[in-house]
Amino acid sequence: MGEITIKVADEALVRRLTELAHTHQISPEAEATAILRRATGVPLDRESRLATARRIAALTPHRRQTDATEMLREDRSR
């Protein structure tokens, strides 16, 4: 596993990265990795895809998310 150490002088940037990580329920390191993957076009791992799904679901709070299985069954019965 490779390792990169980044020293960030901009505290607001570090704070924002930490807030994003908290929102996505992942570590700041995992958040930074997901950002780098998106920026470089590397496919996201399972954890990052789940974080993205959670972020999208958070856009419509207090609403039940439609189960894809139900949608498939409805479509097949037509």
N, C-alpha and C. Protein backbone atom coordinates (compact mmCIF):
# COMPACT_ATOMS: atom_id res chain seq x y z
N MET A 1 0.85 -1.17 0.00
CA MET A 1 0.00 0.00 0.00
C MET A 1 0.89 1.23 0.00
N GLY A 2 0.60 2.16 -0.90
CA GLY A 2 1.36 3.39 -0.96
C GLY A 2 0.93 4.36 0.13
N GLU A 3 1.78 5.32 0.38
CA GLU A 3 1.46 6.30 1.42
C GLU A 3 1.87 7.68 0.94
N ILE A 4 0.99 8.64 1.15
CA ILE A 4 1.26 10.04 0.82
C ILE A 4 0.97 10.86 2.06
N THR A 5 1.88 11.74 2.41
CA THR A 5 1.66 12.66 3.52
C THR A 5 1.50 14.05 2.93
N ILE A 6 0.40 14.70 3.26
CA ILE A 6 0.12 16.03 2.74
C ILE A 6 0.01 16.99 3.91
N LYS A 7 0.83 18.02 3.92
CA LYS A 7 0.74 19.05 4.95
C LYS A 7 -0.09 20.20 4.38
N VAL A 8 -1.19 20.49 5.05
CA VAL A 8 -2.11 21.52 4.57
C VAL A 8 -2.07 22.71 5.51
N ALA A 9 -1.65 23.86 4.99
CA ALA A 9 -1.56 25.06 5.81
C ALA A 9 -2.93 25.72 6.00
N ASP A 10 -3.86 25.42 5.13
CA ASP A 10 -5.19 26.02 5.17
C ASP A 10 -6.09 25.23 6.13
N GLU A 11 -6.24 25.74 7.35
CA GLU A 11 -7.05 25.04 8.36
C GLU A 11 -8.51 24.91 7.95
N ALA A 12 -9.02 25.88 7.20
CA ALA A 12 -10.41 25.80 6.74
C ALA A 12 -10.60 24.61 5.81
N LEU A 13 -9.60 24.33 5.00
CA LEU A 13 -9.66 23.19 4.09
C LEU A 13 -9.67 21.88 4.88
N VAL A 14 -8.83 21.79 5.88
CA VAL A 14 -8.79 20.59 6.73
C VAL A 14 -10.13 20.42 7.45
N ARG A 15 -10.67 21.52 7.95
CA ARG A 15 -11.96 21.48 8.64
C ARG A 15 -13.06 21.01 7.69
N ARG A 16 -13.06 21.51 6.46
CA ARG A 16 -14.07 21.13 5.47
C ARG A 16 -13.95 19.65 5.11
N LEU A 17 -12.73 19.17 4.94
CA LEU A 17 -12.51 17.75 4.64
C LEU A 17 -13.02 16.89 5.79
N THR A 18 -12.77 17.31 7.02
CA THR A 18 -13.24 16.57 8.19
C THR A 18 -14.76 16.58 8.25
N GLU A 19 -15.39 17.71 7.94
CA GLU A 19 -16.85 17.80 7.92
C GLU A 19 -17.45 16.88 6.86
N LEU A 20 -16.85 16.87 5.67
CA LEU A 20 -17.32 15.98 4.61
C LEU A 20 -17.21 14.52 5.04
N ALA A 21 -16.08 14.18 5.65
CA ALA A 21 -15.88 12.81 6.11
C ALA A 21 -16.93 12.43 7.14
N HIS A 22 -17.22 13.35 8.05
CA HIS A 22 -18.23 13.09 9.08
C HIS A 22 -19.60 12.88 8.43
N THR A 23 -19.93 13.72 7.46
CA THR A 23 -21.19 13.60 6.73
C THR A 23 -21.31 12.24 6.05
N HIS A 24 -20.20 11.77 5.49
CA HIS A 24 -20.19 10.49 4.76
C HIS A 24 -19.92 9.30 5.68
N GLN A 25 -19.74 9.58 6.96
CA GLN A 25 -19.49 8.54 7.97
C GLN A 25 -18.24 7.72 7.65
N ILE A 26 -17.19 8.43 7.22
CA ILE A 26 -15.90 7.79 6.97
C ILE A 26 -14.81 8.66 7.57
N SER A 27 -13.60 8.16 7.60
CA SER A 27 -12.48 8.91 8.16
C SER A 27 -12.05 10.01 7.17
N PRO A 28 -11.38 11.05 7.68
CA PRO A 28 -10.86 12.08 6.77
C PRO A 28 -9.90 11.49 5.73
N GLU A 29 -9.14 10.48 6.12
CA GLU A 29 -8.22 9.83 5.19
C GLU A 29 -8.99 9.15 4.06
N ALA A 30 -10.08 8.45 4.42
CA ALA A 30 -10.90 7.79 3.40
C ALA A 30 -11.58 8.82 2.50
N GLU A 31 -11.98 9.95 3.08
CA GLU A 31 -12.59 11.03 2.29
C GLU A 31 -11.58 11.58 1.29
N ALA A 32 -10.36 11.83 1.76
CA ALA A 32 -9.31 12.35 0.86
C ALA A 32 -9.01 11.34 -0.25
N THR A 33 -8.99 10.06 0.09
CA THR A 33 -8.76 9.01 -0.91
C THR A 33 -9.87 9.00 -1.95
N ALA A 34 -11.12 9.13 -1.50
CA ALA A 34 -12.26 9.15 -2.43
C ALA A 34 -12.17 10.35 -3.37
N ILE A 35 -11.77 11.50 -2.83
CA ILE A 35 -11.62 12.71 -3.65
C ILE A 35 -10.53 12.50 -4.69
N LEU A 36 -9.42 11.92 -4.27
CA LEU A 36 -8.32 11.65 -5.21
C LEU A 36 -8.74 10.64 -6.28
N ARG A 37 -9.51 9.63 -5.89
CA ARG A 37 -9.98 8.63 -6.86
C ARG A 37 -10.87 9.30 -7.91
N ARG A 38 -11.80 10.14 -7.45
CA ARG A 38 -12.69 10.83 -8.40
C ARG A 38 -11.88 11.74 -9.33
N ALA A 39 -10.91 12.45 -8.76
CA ALA A 39 -10.12 13.39 -9.55
C ALA A 39 -9.24 12.70 -10.58
N THR A 40 -8.83 11.47 -10.29
CA THR A 40 -7.94 10.75 -11.20
C THR A 40 -8.66 9.72 -12.05
N GLY A 41 -9.97 9.61 -11.87
CA GLY A 41 -10.73 8.67 -12.68
C GLY A 41 -10.61 7.22 -12.26
N VAL A 42 -10.07 6.96 -11.07
CA VAL A 42 -9.94 5.59 -10.56
C VAL A 42 -11.30 5.15 -10.02
N PRO A 43 -11.78 3.95 -10.39
CA PRO A 43 -13.08 3.49 -9.88
C PRO A 43 -13.10 3.48 -8.35
N LEU A 44 -14.24 3.85 -7.79
CA LEU A 44 -14.38 3.92 -6.34
C LEU A 44 -14.55 2.53 -5.74
N ASP A 45 -14.02 2.35 -4.55
CA ASP A 45 -14.19 1.08 -3.84
C ASP A 45 -15.57 1.05 -3.18
N ARG A 46 -15.91 -0.07 -2.59
CA ARG A 46 -17.24 -0.25 -2.00
C ARG A 46 -17.56 0.83 -0.97
N GLU A 47 -16.60 1.11 -0.09
CA GLU A 47 -16.81 2.11 0.97
C GLU A 47 -17.13 3.48 0.38
N SER A 48 -16.42 3.85 -0.66
CA SER A 48 -16.65 5.15 -1.29
C SER A 48 -18.00 5.20 -2.01
N ARG A 49 -18.38 4.09 -2.65
CA ARG A 49 -19.69 4.05 -3.30
C ARG A 49 -20.81 4.15 -2.28
N LEU A 50 -20.63 3.49 -1.12
CA LEU A 50 -21.64 3.59 -0.06
C LEU A 50 -21.73 5.02 0.46
N ALA A 51 -20.58 5.66 0.62
CA ALA A 51 -20.57 7.05 1.09
C ALA A 51 -21.30 7.95 0.09
N THR A 52 -21.10 7.70 -1.19
CA THR A 52 -21.80 8.48 -2.22
C THR A 52 -23.30 8.24 -2.15
N ALA A 53 -23.69 6.98 -1.99
CA ALA A 53 -25.12 6.66 -1.87
C ALA A 53 -25.74 7.33 -0.65
N ARG A 54 -25.01 7.34 0.46
CA ARG A 54 -25.52 8.00 1.68
C ARG A 54 -25.67 9.50 1.46
N ARG A 55 -24.69 10.07 0.75
CA ARG A 55 -24.74 11.51 0.49
C ARG A 55 -25.96 11.84 -0.37
N ILE A 56 -26.23 11.03 -1.37
CA ILE A 56 -27.39 11.25 -2.23
C ILE A 56 -28.68 11.08 -1.43
N ALA A 57 -28.75 10.04 -0.60
CA ALA A 57 -29.94 9.81 0.23
C ALA A 57 -30.17 10.96 1.20
N ALA A 58 -29.07 11.58 1.67
CA ALA A 58 -29.19 12.69 2.62
C ALA A 58 -29.81 13.93 1.97
N LEU A 59 -29.82 13.98 0.65
CA LEU A 59 -30.42 15.12 -0.05
C LEU A 59 -31.93 15.15 0.12
N THR A 60 -32.53 14.01 0.45
CA THR A 60 -33.98 13.93 0.67
C THR A 60 -34.26 13.31 2.03
N PRO A 61 -33.92 14.04 3.11
CA PRO A 61 -34.13 13.47 4.44
C PRO A 61 -35.61 13.25 4.75
N HIS A 62 -35.86 12.34 5.64
CA HIS A 62 -37.21 12.02 6.11
C HIS A 62 -38.11 11.47 4.99
N ARG A 63 -37.50 10.96 3.94
CA ARG A 63 -38.28 10.33 2.87
C ARG A 63 -37.80 8.90 2.73
N ARG A 64 -38.74 8.01 2.60
CA ARG A 64 -38.40 6.60 2.43
C ARG A 64 -37.77 6.41 1.06
N GLN A 65 -36.64 5.74 1.02
CA GLN A 65 -35.97 5.47 -0.24
C GLN A 65 -36.60 4.23 -0.89
N THR A 66 -36.84 4.30 -2.16
CA THR A 66 -37.47 3.20 -2.88
C THR A 66 -36.51 2.02 -2.99
N ASP A 67 -37.02 0.85 -2.66
CA ASP A 67 -36.23 -0.38 -2.76
C ASP A 67 -36.16 -0.80 -4.22
N ALA A 68 -34.96 -0.94 -4.75
CA ALA A 68 -34.78 -1.31 -6.15
C ALA A 68 -35.40 -2.67 -6.45
N THR A 69 -35.39 -3.57 -5.47
CA THR A 69 -35.98 -4.89 -5.66
C THR A 69 -37.47 -4.77 -5.96
N GLU A 70 -38.15 -3.90 -5.22
CA GLU A 70 -39.58 -3.69 -5.46
C GLU A 70 -39.82 -3.14 -6.86
N MET A 71 -38.99 -2.21 -7.28
CA MET A 71 -39.14 -1.63 -8.61
C MET A 71 -38.95 -2.68 -9.70
N LEU A 72 -37.97 -3.55 -9.53
CA LEU A 72 -37.73 -4.61 -10.51
C LEU A 72 -38.91 -5.57 -10.58
N ARG A 73 -39.43 -5.94 -9.43
CA ARG A 73 -40.58 -6.85 -9.41
C ARG A 73 -41.80 -6.23 -10.09
N GLU A 74 -42.04 -4.95 -9.82
CA GLU A 74 -43.16 -4.27 -10.47
C GLU A 74 -42.99 -4.25 -11.98
N ASP A 75 -41.77 -3.96 -12.41
CA ASP A 75 -41.51 -3.88 -13.85
C ASP A 75 -41.67 -5.24 -14.52
N ARG A 76 -41.24 -6.29 -13.87
CA ARG A 76 -41.34 -7.64 -14.43
C ARG A 76 -42.79 -8.12 -14.52
N SER A 77 -43.63 -7.62 -13.63
CA SER A 77 -45.03 -8.07 -13.62
C SER A 77 -45.88 -7.36 -14.67
N ARG A 78 -45.33 -6.41 -15.37
CA ARG A 78 -46.08 -5.66 -16.39
C ARG A 78 -46.19 -6.44 -17.68
